[in-house]
Protein backbone atom coordinates (compact mmCIF):
# COMPACT_ATOMS: atom_id res chain seq x y z
CA MET A 1 9.52 16.49 -19.93
CA ALA A 2 9.16 15.19 -16.46
CA HIS A 3 13.09 15.91 -15.82
CA GLU A 4 12.42 19.37 -17.01
CA VAL A 5 9.54 20.01 -14.87
CA ILE A 6 11.59 18.46 -11.82
CA ARG A 7 14.54 20.53 -12.57
CA ASP A 8 12.24 23.52 -12.91
CA LEU A 9 10.47 23.11 -9.26
CA SER A 10 13.81 22.22 -7.85
CA ARG A 11 14.91 25.55 -8.71
CA ARG A 12 11.82 27.49 -7.83
CA LEU A 13 11.61 25.54 -4.44
CA GLY A 14 15.24 25.45 -3.78
CA VAL A 15 15.09 21.82 -2.94
CA PRO A 16 17.63 19.36 -4.54
CA GLU A 17 15.92 17.21 -7.40
CA ASP A 18 16.74 13.89 -5.62
CA GLU A 19 15.22 14.91 -2.61
CA LEU A 20 11.95 16.20 -4.42
CA VAL A 21 11.79 13.04 -6.05
CA ARG A 22 12.69 10.96 -3.22
CA ARG A 23 9.80 13.13 -1.16
CA GLY A 24 7.31 13.10 -4.07
CA LEU A 25 7.65 8.97 -4.32
CA ARG A 26 7.26 8.77 -0.41
CA ALA A 27 4.30 10.79 -0.05
CA TYR A 28 2.91 9.10 -3.19
CA LEU A 29 3.54 5.48 -1.84
CA GLU A 30 2.39 6.22 1.80
CA GLU A 31 -1.09 7.50 0.53
CA GLU A 32 -1.60 4.56 -1.56
CA LEU A 33 -0.83 2.37 1.29
CA ARG A 34 -3.18 4.14 3.48
CA LYS A 35 -5.67 3.41 0.98
CA VAL A 36 -5.02 -0.17 0.36
CA ARG A 37 -4.84 -0.87 4.38
CA ALA A 38 -8.64 1.02 4.46
CA ARG A 39 -9.81 -1.30 2.16
CA ILE A 40 -8.09 -4.06 3.84
CA ASN A 41 -9.68 -3.03 6.97
CA ALA A 42 -13.39 -2.78 5.59
CA ILE A 43 -13.25 -6.45 4.23
CA CYS A 44 -11.84 -7.81 7.40
CA VAL A 45 -14.49 -5.71 9.56
CA LYS A 46 -17.06 -7.30 7.21
CA TYR A 47 -16.08 -10.58 8.00
CA GLY A 48 -15.11 -9.86 11.51
CA VAL A 49 -11.51 -11.27 10.60
CA ARG A 50 -7.87 -9.54 10.87
CA SER A 51 -6.17 -11.56 7.63
CA LEU A 52 -6.83 -13.42 4.70
CA GLU A 53 -5.70 -16.39 6.37
CA GLU A 54 -8.54 -15.62 9.20
CA LEU A 55 -11.22 -15.56 6.33
CA ASP A 56 -10.06 -18.62 4.61
CA GLU A 57 -10.50 -20.48 8.17
CA LYS A 58 -14.06 -19.14 8.79
CA ILE A 59 -14.90 -20.20 5.08
CA ASN A 60 -13.07 -23.38 5.65
CA ARG A 61 -15.06 -23.71 9.05
CA GLY A 62 -18.51 -23.11 7.49
CA GLU A 63 -19.01 -20.02 9.35
CA VAL A 64 -19.10 -18.26 5.82
CA ALA A 65 -20.35 -19.46 2.83
CA GLU A 66 -17.78 -19.45 0.19
CA SER A 67 -20.17 -18.30 -2.50
CA ASP A 68 -20.89 -15.24 -0.47
CA ALA A 69 -17.19 -14.26 0.25
CA PHE A 70 -15.76 -15.32 -2.92
CA GLU A 71 -15.25 -11.82 -4.51
CA ASP A 72 -13.89 -10.32 -1.22
CA PHE A 73 -11.57 -12.89 -0.53
CA ALA A 74 -10.00 -12.49 -4.07
CA ARG A 75 -9.91 -9.10 -3.27
CA LEU A 76 -8.56 -9.18 -0.14
CA ASP A 77 -5.90 -11.51 -1.57
CA HIS A 78 -4.96 -9.07 -4.06
CA LEU A 79 -4.84 -6.09 -1.75
CA GLU A 80 -2.72 -7.80 0.83
CA ALA A 81 -0.33 -8.71 -2.03
CA LEU A 82 -0.19 -4.78 -3.17
CA ARG A 83 0.11 -3.58 0.53
CA ARG A 84 3.43 -5.85 0.51
CA ARG A 85 4.56 -4.48 -2.48
CA LEU A 86 3.97 -0.76 -1.37
CA GLU A 87 5.68 -1.65 1.96
CA GLU A 88 8.93 -3.03 0.22
CA ALA A 89 8.99 -0.09 -1.97
CA LEU A 90 9.07 2.33 0.85
CA GLU A 91 11.68 0.16 2.35
CA ILE A 92 13.89 0.46 -0.63
CA LEU A 93 13.23 4.26 -0.94
CA GLY A 94 14.43 4.50 2.65
CA GLN A 95 17.35 2.54 2.01
CA GLY A 96 18.69 5.03 -0.57
CA ARG A 97 19.46 7.34 2.29
CA GLY A 98 19.51 5.49 5.35
CA GLU A 99 15.97 6.16 6.57
CA ARG A 100 13.57 4.18 8.04
CA THR A 101 10.30 3.78 6.76
CA ARG A 102 7.07 4.40 9.21
């Protein structure tokens, strides 16, 4: 079904199918990456850090109670891994046509 929709839209818009798919994937990945970066930033701002490592250092120094930051720490860890996967996906997508990601 999806292939028929892509084929139909490709004809209607006058855009090659592969370009339509590539541009759609790029837009999706970039939007998801923006959302993930915003969520990462919100957690970092909350604790006055720039990364998971800095939050871990603050916890280890006792500047932030581990019990207070446990959920955010786990969420930040997950979000940073997701950010890396999205960036890798964009890089792979860019390699398909020799494009560079932003």
